[in-house]
Amino acid sequence: MSETVIVAGGCFWCTEAVFNDVIGVESVESGYIGGDVPDPTYKQVCTGTTGHAEGVKVTFDPATVSLPEIYDMFLGTHDPTQLNRQGNDVGTQYRSAIFPLSDEQRTEAEAAIERWNDSNHGTAVTTIEGPAQWYSAEDYHQEYWEGEGQRNPYCMATIPPKLMKLRKSFADKVKS
């Protein structure tokens, strides 16, 4: 039986690319969450005025990859110490956040942030938010890295380092 989590760690193209490379992940959808404008568009979210974060909805097989592993991969492949930004992407839409869909996910999210803080001698600014309405991003954002992203200079500069972090720290969970 599949499980779904929603996380936001900067540009959703980057986070989607990471989770598409994980064994046991069945699907990844880019979208918007945590704001107060119904059915926001990419253009609206990019202004930083809607309150939404760029996020991904990850559906996975918990018999293959566990919820704690999903959260650890999330925290381990972006910089959870940067408040409202990831690199050159600045604004609340690029915040580091977890949007639990159950009490169990909330408890696991809290534990994952604590594990990250303990092992990195730092303080993650990742928030735990929600419940919140999920909105799928426009079709051209889905599977972006597999298509247009391979020709996008921004993606070529930011996604490979995240994939390298995944392969280095979670080698046994990466698709070959």
N, C-alpha and C. Protein backbone atom coordinates (compact mmCIF):
# COMPACT_ATOMS: atom_id res chain seq x y z
N MET A 1 0.84 -1.19 0.00
CA MET A 1 0.00 0.00 0.00
C MET A 1 0.88 1.24 0.00
N SER A 2 0.64 2.13 -0.92
CA SER A 2 1.45 3.34 -1.09
C SER A 2 1.16 4.37 -0.01
N GLU A 3 2.14 5.25 0.20
CA GLU A 3 1.98 6.37 1.11
C GLU A 3 2.41 7.63 0.35
N THR A 4 1.87 8.76 0.74
CA THR A 4 2.18 10.03 0.09
C THR A 4 2.66 11.03 1.13
N VAL A 5 3.71 11.78 0.77
CA VAL A 5 4.20 12.89 1.59
C VAL A 5 4.32 14.12 0.72
N ILE A 6 4.28 15.28 1.37
CA ILE A 6 4.47 16.54 0.66
C ILE A 6 5.57 17.32 1.36
N VAL A 7 6.59 17.70 0.56
CA VAL A 7 7.72 18.46 1.09
C VAL A 7 8.03 19.62 0.14
N ALA A 8 8.66 20.65 0.69
CA ALA A 8 9.07 21.81 -0.10
C ALA A 8 10.51 22.13 0.29
N GLY A 9 11.38 22.14 -0.72
CA GLY A 9 12.80 22.39 -0.45
C GLY A 9 13.44 23.26 -1.50
N GLY A 10 12.81 24.37 -1.80
CA GLY A 10 13.31 25.25 -2.86
C GLY A 10 12.59 24.96 -4.16
N CYS A 11 13.29 25.12 -5.26
CA CYS A 11 12.73 24.89 -6.58
C CYS A 11 12.17 23.47 -6.70
N PHE A 12 10.92 23.35 -7.11
CA PHE A 12 10.33 22.01 -7.18
C PHE A 12 10.95 21.15 -8.27
N TRP A 13 11.55 21.75 -9.29
CA TRP A 13 12.22 20.95 -10.31
C TRP A 13 13.35 20.14 -9.69
N CYS A 14 14.08 20.76 -8.76
CA CYS A 14 15.21 20.10 -8.10
C CYS A 14 14.74 18.97 -7.19
N THR A 15 13.75 19.25 -6.37
CA THR A 15 13.26 18.25 -5.43
C THR A 15 12.62 17.08 -6.17
N GLU A 16 11.89 17.39 -7.24
CA GLU A 16 11.28 16.34 -8.06
C GLU A 16 12.36 15.43 -8.66
N ALA A 17 13.43 16.02 -9.18
CA ALA A 17 14.51 15.24 -9.78
C ALA A 17 15.13 14.29 -8.77
N VAL A 18 15.33 14.76 -7.54
CA VAL A 18 15.91 13.92 -6.50
C VAL A 18 15.01 12.71 -6.23
N PHE A 19 13.74 12.95 -5.97
CA PHE A 19 12.85 11.84 -5.59
C PHE A 19 12.53 10.92 -6.76
N ASN A 20 12.63 11.40 -7.98
CA ASN A 20 12.45 10.50 -9.13
C ASN A 20 13.58 9.49 -9.23
N ASP A 21 14.67 9.72 -8.51
CA ASP A 21 15.84 8.83 -8.55
C ASP A 21 15.87 7.85 -7.38
N VAL A 22 14.81 7.81 -6.56
CA VAL A 22 14.80 6.98 -5.35
C VAL A 22 14.02 5.68 -5.59
N ILE A 23 14.65 4.57 -5.22
CA ILE A 23 13.99 3.27 -5.30
C ILE A 23 12.77 3.28 -4.38
N GLY A 24 11.66 2.79 -4.88
CA GLY A 24 10.43 2.73 -4.09
C GLY A 24 9.52 3.92 -4.27
N VAL A 25 10.02 4.98 -4.90
CA VAL A 25 9.17 6.13 -5.20
C VAL A 25 8.39 5.81 -6.47
N GLU A 26 7.09 5.88 -6.36
CA GLU A 26 6.21 5.52 -7.47
C GLU A 26 5.87 6.71 -8.35
N SER A 27 5.73 7.89 -7.75
CA SER A 27 5.45 9.09 -8.54
C SER A 27 5.84 10.33 -7.75
N VAL A 28 6.14 11.38 -8.49
CA VAL A 28 6.46 12.68 -7.90
C VAL A 28 5.72 13.72 -8.72
N GLU A 29 4.99 14.57 -8.02
CA GLU A 29 4.23 15.63 -8.69
C GLU A 29 4.65 16.97 -8.12
N SER A 30 4.97 17.92 -8.99
CA SER A 30 5.30 19.27 -8.55
C SER A 30 4.02 20.08 -8.37
N GLY A 31 4.04 20.97 -7.37
CA GLY A 31 2.85 21.78 -7.13
C GLY A 31 3.10 22.87 -6.11
N TYR A 32 1.99 23.40 -5.63
CA TYR A 32 2.01 24.55 -4.71
C TYR A 32 1.21 24.20 -3.46
N ILE A 33 1.72 24.63 -2.31
CA ILE A 33 1.05 24.32 -1.05
C ILE A 33 1.37 25.40 -0.01
N GLY A 34 0.45 25.59 0.91
CA GLY A 34 0.70 26.45 2.05
C GLY A 34 0.31 27.90 1.89
N GLY A 35 -0.38 28.23 0.83
CA GLY A 35 -0.75 29.62 0.61
C GLY A 35 -2.23 29.87 0.78
N ASP A 36 -2.65 31.08 0.44
CA ASP A 36 -4.05 31.45 0.65
C ASP A 36 -4.77 31.87 -0.63
N VAL A 37 -4.16 31.64 -1.79
CA VAL A 37 -4.80 31.95 -3.07
C VAL A 37 -5.24 30.63 -3.70
N PRO A 38 -6.53 30.47 -3.99
CA PRO A 38 -6.97 29.22 -4.60
C PRO A 38 -6.44 29.08 -6.04
N ASP A 39 -6.08 27.84 -6.40
CA ASP A 39 -5.61 27.53 -7.75
C ASP A 39 -4.55 28.51 -8.26
N PRO A 40 -3.45 28.67 -7.53
CA PRO A 40 -2.44 29.63 -7.96
C PRO A 40 -1.72 29.16 -9.22
N THR A 41 -1.22 30.13 -9.96
CA THR A 41 -0.40 29.83 -11.12
C THR A 41 1.08 29.98 -10.74
N TYR A 42 1.95 29.44 -11.57
CA TYR A 42 3.39 29.58 -11.35
C TYR A 42 3.77 31.06 -11.27
N LYS A 43 3.23 31.84 -12.18
CA LYS A 43 3.53 33.28 -12.21
C LYS A 43 3.13 33.95 -10.89
N GLN A 44 1.96 33.58 -10.35
CA GLN A 44 1.53 34.15 -9.07
C GLN A 44 2.44 33.71 -7.93
N VAL A 45 2.75 32.42 -7.86
CA VAL A 45 3.58 31.90 -6.78
C VAL A 45 4.97 32.53 -6.81
N CYS A 46 5.51 32.74 -8.01
CA CYS A 46 6.85 33.34 -8.15
C CYS A 46 6.93 34.75 -7.57
N THR A 47 5.81 35.44 -7.44
CA THR A 47 5.83 36.78 -6.86
C THR A 47 6.10 36.75 -5.36
N GLY A 48 5.87 35.59 -4.74
CA GLY A 48 6.06 35.48 -3.30
C GLY A 48 4.92 36.05 -2.49
N THR A 49 3.82 36.42 -3.14
CA THR A 49 2.72 37.07 -2.43
C THR A 49 1.55 36.14 -2.13
N THR A 50 1.58 34.90 -2.61
CA THR A 50 0.44 34.00 -2.40
C THR A 50 0.57 33.17 -1.13
N GLY A 51 1.76 33.13 -0.56
CA GLY A 51 2.00 32.31 0.62
C GLY A 51 2.34 30.87 0.32
N HIS A 52 2.25 30.46 -0.94
CA HIS A 52 2.54 29.07 -1.31
C HIS A 52 4.03 28.80 -1.36
N ALA A 53 4.38 27.55 -1.14
CA ALA A 53 5.72 27.05 -1.38
C ALA A 53 5.68 26.18 -2.63
N GLU A 54 6.79 26.17 -3.37
CA GLU A 54 6.94 25.19 -4.43
C GLU A 54 7.25 23.87 -3.74
N GLY A 55 6.43 22.87 -3.97
CA GLY A 55 6.61 21.60 -3.29
C GLY A 55 6.47 20.42 -4.22
N VAL A 56 6.69 19.24 -3.66
CA VAL A 56 6.47 18.01 -4.39
C VAL A 56 5.64 17.05 -3.54
N LYS A 57 4.76 16.36 -4.22
CA LYS A 57 3.97 15.29 -3.60
C LYS A 57 4.62 13.98 -4.04
N VAL A 58 5.15 13.24 -3.08
CA VAL A 58 5.89 12.02 -3.35
C VAL A 58 5.05 10.82 -2.90
N THR A 59 4.76 9.93 -3.84
CA THR A 59 4.05 8.69 -3.52
C THR A 59 5.07 7.56 -3.57
N PHE A 60 5.13 6.77 -2.49
CA PHE A 60 6.18 5.76 -2.37
C PHE A 60 5.64 4.48 -1.74
N ASP A 61 6.41 3.41 -1.90
CA ASP A 61 6.10 2.12 -1.31
C ASP A 61 6.86 2.00 0.01
N PRO A 62 6.17 2.08 1.16
CA PRO A 62 6.88 2.07 2.45
C PRO A 62 7.55 0.72 2.76
N ALA A 63 7.24 -0.32 1.99
CA ALA A 63 7.94 -1.59 2.17
C ALA A 63 9.34 -1.53 1.53
N THR A 64 9.56 -0.56 0.64
CA THR A 64 10.83 -0.42 -0.06
C THR A 64 11.66 0.73 0.50
N VAL A 65 11.01 1.84 0.78
CA VAL A 65 11.68 3.02 1.34
C VAL A 65 10.76 3.57 2.44
N SER A 66 11.31 3.76 3.61
CA SER A 66 10.49 4.15 4.76
C SER A 66 10.24 5.65 4.80
N LEU A 67 9.23 6.04 5.55
CA LEU A 67 8.93 7.46 5.76
C LEU A 67 10.14 8.18 6.37
N PRO A 68 10.80 7.64 7.42
CA PRO A 68 11.99 8.34 7.93
C PRO A 68 13.07 8.49 6.86
N GLU A 69 13.24 7.50 6.01
CA GLU A 69 14.25 7.61 4.94
C GLU A 69 13.87 8.71 3.95
N ILE A 70 12.59 8.80 3.61
CA ILE A 70 12.13 9.86 2.70
C ILE A 70 12.45 11.22 3.30
N TYR A 71 12.12 11.42 4.57
CA TYR A 71 12.40 12.71 5.20
C TYR A 71 13.91 12.96 5.31
N ASP A 72 14.69 11.92 5.61
CA ASP A 72 16.15 12.10 5.70
C ASP A 72 16.73 12.47 4.34
N MET A 73 16.22 11.87 3.27
CA MET A 73 16.69 12.22 1.92
C MET A 73 16.30 13.65 1.58
N PHE A 74 15.11 14.04 1.95
CA PHE A 74 14.67 15.41 1.72
C PHE A 74 15.62 16.39 2.41
N LEU A 75 15.86 16.20 3.69
CA LEU A 75 16.72 17.12 4.44
C LEU A 75 18.17 17.04 3.99
N GLY A 76 18.59 15.88 3.50
CA GLY A 76 19.98 15.68 3.11
C GLY A 76 20.34 16.12 1.71
N THR A 77 19.36 16.55 0.92
CA THR A 77 19.65 16.92 -0.46
C THR A 77 19.36 18.39 -0.78
N HIS A 78 18.95 19.14 0.22
CA HIS A 78 18.87 20.60 0.06
C HIS A 78 19.46 21.21 1.33
N ASP A 79 19.52 22.52 1.42
CA ASP A 79 20.10 23.16 2.60
C ASP A 79 18.98 23.63 3.52
N PRO A 80 18.65 22.83 4.54
CA PRO A 80 17.55 23.20 5.43
C PRO A 80 17.89 24.30 6.42
N THR A 81 19.10 24.88 6.31
CA THR A 81 19.46 25.98 7.20
C THR A 81 19.20 27.34 6.57
N GLN A 82 18.83 27.37 5.30
CA GLN A 82 18.58 28.64 4.62
C GLN A 82 17.11 29.02 4.77
N LEU A 83 16.87 30.16 5.38
CA LEU A 83 15.51 30.63 5.62
C LEU A 83 14.95 31.28 4.36
N ASN A 84 13.84 30.74 3.88
CA ASN A 84 13.12 31.31 2.73
C ASN A 84 14.00 31.48 1.49
N ARG A 85 14.83 30.46 1.25
CA ARG A 85 15.66 30.49 0.05
C ARG A 85 16.34 29.15 -0.13
N GLN A 86 16.80 28.91 -1.35
CA GLN A 86 17.75 27.86 -1.68
C GLN A 86 18.67 28.46 -2.72
N GLY A 87 19.89 28.74 -2.32
CA GLY A 87 20.84 29.35 -3.24
C GLY A 87 20.35 30.69 -3.73
N ASN A 88 20.28 30.82 -5.07
CA ASN A 88 19.85 32.09 -5.66
C ASN A 88 18.34 32.26 -5.67
N ASP A 89 17.60 31.22 -5.34
CA ASP A 89 16.13 31.32 -5.28
C ASP A 89 15.75 31.87 -3.91
N VAL A 90 15.23 33.08 -3.89
CA VAL A 90 14.94 33.76 -2.63
C VAL A 90 13.45 34.10 -2.57
N GLY A 91 12.85 33.83 -1.42
CA GLY A 91 11.45 34.14 -1.18
C GLY A 91 10.78 33.01 -0.42
N THR A 92 9.66 33.31 0.20
CA THR A 92 8.96 32.29 1.00
C THR A 92 8.51 31.11 0.16
N GLN A 93 8.37 31.31 -1.15
CA GLN A 93 7.96 30.21 -2.02
C GLN A 93 9.06 29.14 -2.13
N TYR A 94 10.28 29.47 -1.68
CA TYR A 94 11.40 28.53 -1.72
C TYR A 94 11.78 28.03 -0.32
N ARG A 95 10.87 28.18 0.64
CA ARG A 95 11.16 27.77 2.00
C ARG A 95 11.30 26.25 2.11
N SER A 96 11.97 25.84 3.16
CA SER A 96 12.11 24.43 3.49
C SER A 96 10.98 24.08 4.45
N ALA A 97 10.09 23.17 4.00
CA ALA A 97 8.91 22.85 4.82
C ALA A 97 8.46 21.42 4.55
N ILE A 98 7.85 20.86 5.57
CA ILE A 98 7.20 19.55 5.47
C ILE A 98 5.73 19.78 5.79
N PHE A 99 4.87 19.18 4.98
CA PHE A 99 3.42 19.32 5.14
C PHE A 99 2.83 17.95 5.46
N PRO A 100 2.83 17.56 6.74
CA PRO A 100 2.35 16.22 7.11
C PRO A 100 0.89 16.01 6.75
N LEU A 101 0.60 14.79 6.33
CA LEU A 101 -0.77 14.41 5.99
C LEU A 101 -1.42 13.58 7.09
N SER A 102 -0.68 13.35 8.19
CA SER A 102 -1.21 12.59 9.31
C SER A 102 -0.40 12.92 10.56
N ASP A 103 -0.90 12.51 11.71
CA ASP A 103 -0.16 12.70 12.96
C ASP A 103 1.15 11.92 12.94
N GLU A 104 1.12 10.71 12.34
CA GLU A 104 2.35 9.91 12.23
C GLU A 104 3.40 10.65 11.41
N GLN A 105 2.99 11.24 10.30
CA GLN A 105 3.94 11.99 9.48
C GLN A 105 4.49 13.20 10.22
N ARG A 106 3.64 13.86 11.01
CA ARG A 106 4.11 15.01 11.79
C ARG A 106 5.17 14.57 12.80
N THR A 107 4.91 13.47 13.50
CA THR A 107 5.86 12.95 14.47
C THR A 107 7.17 12.56 13.79
N GLU A 108 7.09 11.89 12.65
CA GLU A 108 8.29 11.50 11.90
C GLU A 108 9.04 12.72 11.36
N ALA A 109 8.32 13.75 10.95
CA ALA A 109 8.96 14.98 10.46
C ALA A 109 9.74 15.64 11.59
N GLU A 110 9.16 15.71 12.77
CA GLU A 110 9.85 16.28 13.93
C GLU A 110 11.12 15.49 14.24
N ALA A 111 11.01 14.16 14.20
CA ALA A 111 12.16 13.30 14.48
C ALA A 111 13.25 13.47 13.42
N ALA A 112 12.85 13.62 12.15
CA ALA A 112 13.83 13.79 11.07
C ALA A 112 14.60 15.09 11.22
N ILE A 113 13.90 16.16 11.57
CA ILE A 113 14.58 17.45 11.77
C ILE A 113 15.54 17.34 12.94
N GLU A 114 15.13 16.67 14.00
CA GLU A 114 16.01 16.47 15.16
C GLU A 114 17.24 15.65 14.77
N ARG A 115 17.05 14.58 13.99
CA ARG A 115 18.18 13.76 13.52
C ARG A 115 19.14 14.61 12.70
N TRP A 116 18.59 15.43 11.79
CA TRP A 116 19.43 16.25 10.94
C TRP A 116 20.23 17.23 11.80
N ASN A 117 19.56 17.89 12.74
CA ASN A 117 20.24 18.84 13.62
C ASN A 117 21.35 18.16 14.42
N ASP A 118 21.07 16.96 14.95
CA ASP A 118 22.07 16.24 15.75
C ASP A 118 23.28 15.84 14.93
N SER A 119 23.07 15.42 13.69
CA SER A 119 24.20 14.92 12.89
C SER A 119 24.92 16.02 12.12
N ASN A 120 24.36 17.21 12.05
CA ASN A 120 24.98 18.29 11.29
C ASN A 120 25.41 19.47 12.14
N HIS A 121 25.26 19.37 13.43
CA HIS A 121 25.66 20.44 14.34
C HIS A 121 25.14 21.79 13.86
N GLY A 122 23.92 21.77 13.34
CA GLY A 122 23.33 22.99 12.83
C GLY A 122 21.89 23.08 13.25
N THR A 123 21.26 24.09 12.77
CA THR A 123 19.85 24.26 13.08
C THR A 123 19.07 24.39 11.78
N ALA A 124 18.29 23.38 11.50
CA ALA A 124 17.42 23.43 10.34
C ALA A 124 16.30 24.44 10.62
N VAL A 125 15.98 25.24 9.61
CA VAL A 125 14.86 26.17 9.72
C VAL A 125 13.61 25.58 9.06
N THR A 126 13.69 24.31 8.69
CA THR A 126 12.57 23.62 8.06
C THR A 126 11.36 23.70 8.98
N THR A 127 10.25 24.15 8.41
CA THR A 127 9.01 24.24 9.19
C THR A 127 8.15 23.02 8.94
N ILE A 128 7.28 22.76 9.88
CA ILE A 128 6.26 21.72 9.73
C ILE A 128 4.95 22.48 9.68
N GLU A 129 4.27 22.40 8.55
CA GLU A 129 3.09 23.22 8.30
C GLU A 129 1.88 22.37 7.96
N GLY A 130 0.74 23.00 8.02
CA GLY A 130 -0.48 22.35 7.55
C GLY A 130 -1.39 21.95 8.68
N PRO A 131 -2.49 21.37 8.29
CA PRO A 131 -2.82 20.91 6.94
C PRO A 131 -3.02 22.08 5.97
N ALA A 132 -2.77 21.77 4.69
CA ALA A 132 -2.87 22.79 3.65
C ALA A 132 -3.33 22.16 2.35
N GLN A 133 -3.98 22.96 1.53
CA GLN A 133 -4.48 22.50 0.23
C GLN A 133 -3.33 22.36 -0.76
N TRP A 134 -3.30 21.24 -1.49
CA TRP A 134 -2.31 20.98 -2.54
C TRP A 134 -2.89 21.39 -3.89
N TYR A 135 -2.08 22.06 -4.68
CA TYR A 135 -2.45 22.42 -6.06
C TYR A 135 -1.36 21.91 -6.99
N SER A 136 -1.72 21.11 -7.97
CA SER A 136 -0.75 20.62 -8.95
C SER A 136 -0.24 21.79 -9.79
N ALA A 137 1.05 21.77 -10.05
CA ALA A 137 1.63 22.78 -10.94
C ALA A 137 1.22 22.48 -12.37
N GLU A 138 1.39 23.47 -13.22
CA GLU A 138 1.07 23.34 -14.63
C GLU A 138 1.84 22.15 -15.23
N ASP A 139 1.27 21.56 -16.28
CA ASP A 139 1.85 20.36 -16.89
C ASP A 139 3.31 20.52 -17.26
N TYR A 140 3.71 21.68 -17.75
CA TYR A 140 5.09 21.83 -18.21
C TYR A 140 6.12 21.77 -17.08
N HIS A 141 5.66 21.81 -15.82
CA HIS A 141 6.58 21.67 -14.68
C HIS A 141 6.79 20.21 -14.29
N GLN A 142 5.93 19.32 -14.72
CA GLN A 142 6.02 17.92 -14.32
C GLN A 142 7.14 17.22 -15.10
N GLU A 143 7.92 16.41 -14.39
CA GLU A 143 9.03 15.67 -15.01
C GLU A 143 9.98 16.63 -15.73
N TYR A 144 10.16 17.80 -15.18
CA TYR A 144 10.91 18.86 -15.85
C TYR A 144 12.36 18.47 -16.12
N TRP A 145 13.03 17.88 -15.14
CA TRP A 145 14.44 17.53 -15.29
C TRP A 145 14.64 16.52 -16.42
N GLU A 146 13.72 15.59 -16.58
CA GLU A 146 13.84 14.57 -17.61
C GLU A 146 13.69 15.14 -19.02
N GLY A 147 13.14 16.31 -19.15
CA GLY A 147 12.92 16.92 -20.46
C GLY A 147 13.66 18.23 -20.59
N GLU A 148 12.93 19.32 -20.45
CA GLU A 148 13.47 20.67 -20.63
C GLU A 148 14.64 20.96 -19.70
N GLY A 149 14.61 20.41 -18.51
CA GLY A 149 15.66 20.68 -17.53
C GLY A 149 17.05 20.33 -18.00
N GLN A 150 17.17 19.35 -18.87
CA GLN A 150 18.48 18.95 -19.40
C GLN A 150 19.08 20.03 -20.31
N ARG A 151 18.26 20.99 -20.72
CA ARG A 151 18.73 22.09 -21.57
C ARG A 151 18.66 23.44 -20.85
N ASN A 152 18.29 23.42 -19.58
CA ASN A 152 18.12 24.64 -18.82
C ASN A 152 19.37 24.89 -17.98
N PRO A 153 20.10 26.00 -18.21
CA PRO A 153 21.35 26.26 -17.47
C PRO A 153 21.16 26.27 -15.95
N TYR A 154 20.04 26.83 -15.48
CA TYR A 154 19.78 26.83 -14.04
C TYR A 154 19.73 25.40 -13.51
N CYS A 155 18.98 24.55 -14.18
CA CYS A 155 18.85 23.16 -13.74
C CYS A 155 20.18 22.43 -13.82
N MET A 156 20.93 22.67 -14.88
CA MET A 156 22.23 22.01 -15.04
C MET A 156 23.20 22.41 -13.94
N ALA A 157 23.03 23.60 -13.39
CA ALA A 157 23.91 24.05 -12.31
C ALA A 157 23.44 23.57 -10.94
N THR A 158 22.12 23.41 -10.74
CA THR A 158 21.62 23.13 -9.39
C THR A 158 21.21 21.67 -9.14
N ILE A 159 20.73 20.98 -10.15
CA ILE A 159 20.22 19.63 -9.91
C ILE A 159 21.32 18.58 -9.77
N PRO A 160 22.34 18.53 -10.63
CA PRO A 160 23.37 17.50 -10.45
C PRO A 160 24.02 17.47 -9.06
N PRO A 161 24.32 18.62 -8.43
CA PRO A 161 24.88 18.53 -7.07
C PRO A 161 23.91 17.88 -6.07
N LYS A 162 22.62 18.11 -6.24
CA LYS A 162 21.63 17.48 -5.34
C LYS A 162 21.58 15.98 -5.60
N LEU A 163 21.66 15.58 -6.85
CA LEU A 163 21.68 14.16 -7.18
C LEU A 163 22.94 13.50 -6.64
N MET A 164 24.06 14.22 -6.67
CA MET A 164 25.30 13.68 -6.11
C MET A 164 25.19 13.49 -4.60
N LYS A 165 24.56 14.43 -3.92
CA LYS A 165 24.33 14.28 -2.47
C LYS A 165 23.50 13.04 -2.20
N LEU A 166 22.45 12.84 -3.01
CA LEU A 166 21.60 11.66 -2.85
C LEU A 166 22.42 10.39 -3.04
N ARG A 167 23.20 10.33 -4.12
CA ARG A 167 23.99 9.13 -4.43
C ARG A 167 25.06 8.87 -3.37
N LYS A 168 25.63 9.93 -2.83
CA LYS A 168 26.68 9.78 -1.82
C LYS A 168 26.12 9.32 -0.48
N SER A 169 25.07 9.97 -0.03
CA SER A 169 24.55 9.71 1.32
C SER A 169 23.51 8.60 1.40
N PHE A 170 22.86 8.31 0.28
CA PHE A 170 21.78 7.32 0.29
C PHE A 170 21.96 6.33 -0.86
N ALA A 171 23.20 5.87 -1.07
CA ALA A 171 23.53 5.04 -2.23
C ALA A 171 22.65 3.81 -2.36
N ASP A 172 22.25 3.22 -1.25
CA ASP A 172 21.45 1.99 -1.31
C ASP A 172 19.99 2.25 -1.67
N LYS A 173 19.61 3.51 -1.80
CA LYS A 173 18.22 3.87 -2.13
C LYS A 173 18.08 4.51 -3.51
N VAL A 174 19.18 4.54 -4.28
CA VAL A 174 19.17 5.21 -5.57
C VAL A 174 18.97 4.20 -6.70
N LYS A 175 18.14 4.59 -7.66
CA LYS A 175 17.93 3.76 -8.85
C LYS A 175 19.21 3.69 -9.64
N SER A 176 19.47 2.56 -10.27
CA SER A 176 20.72 2.42 -11.03
C SER A 176 20.58 2.93 -12.45
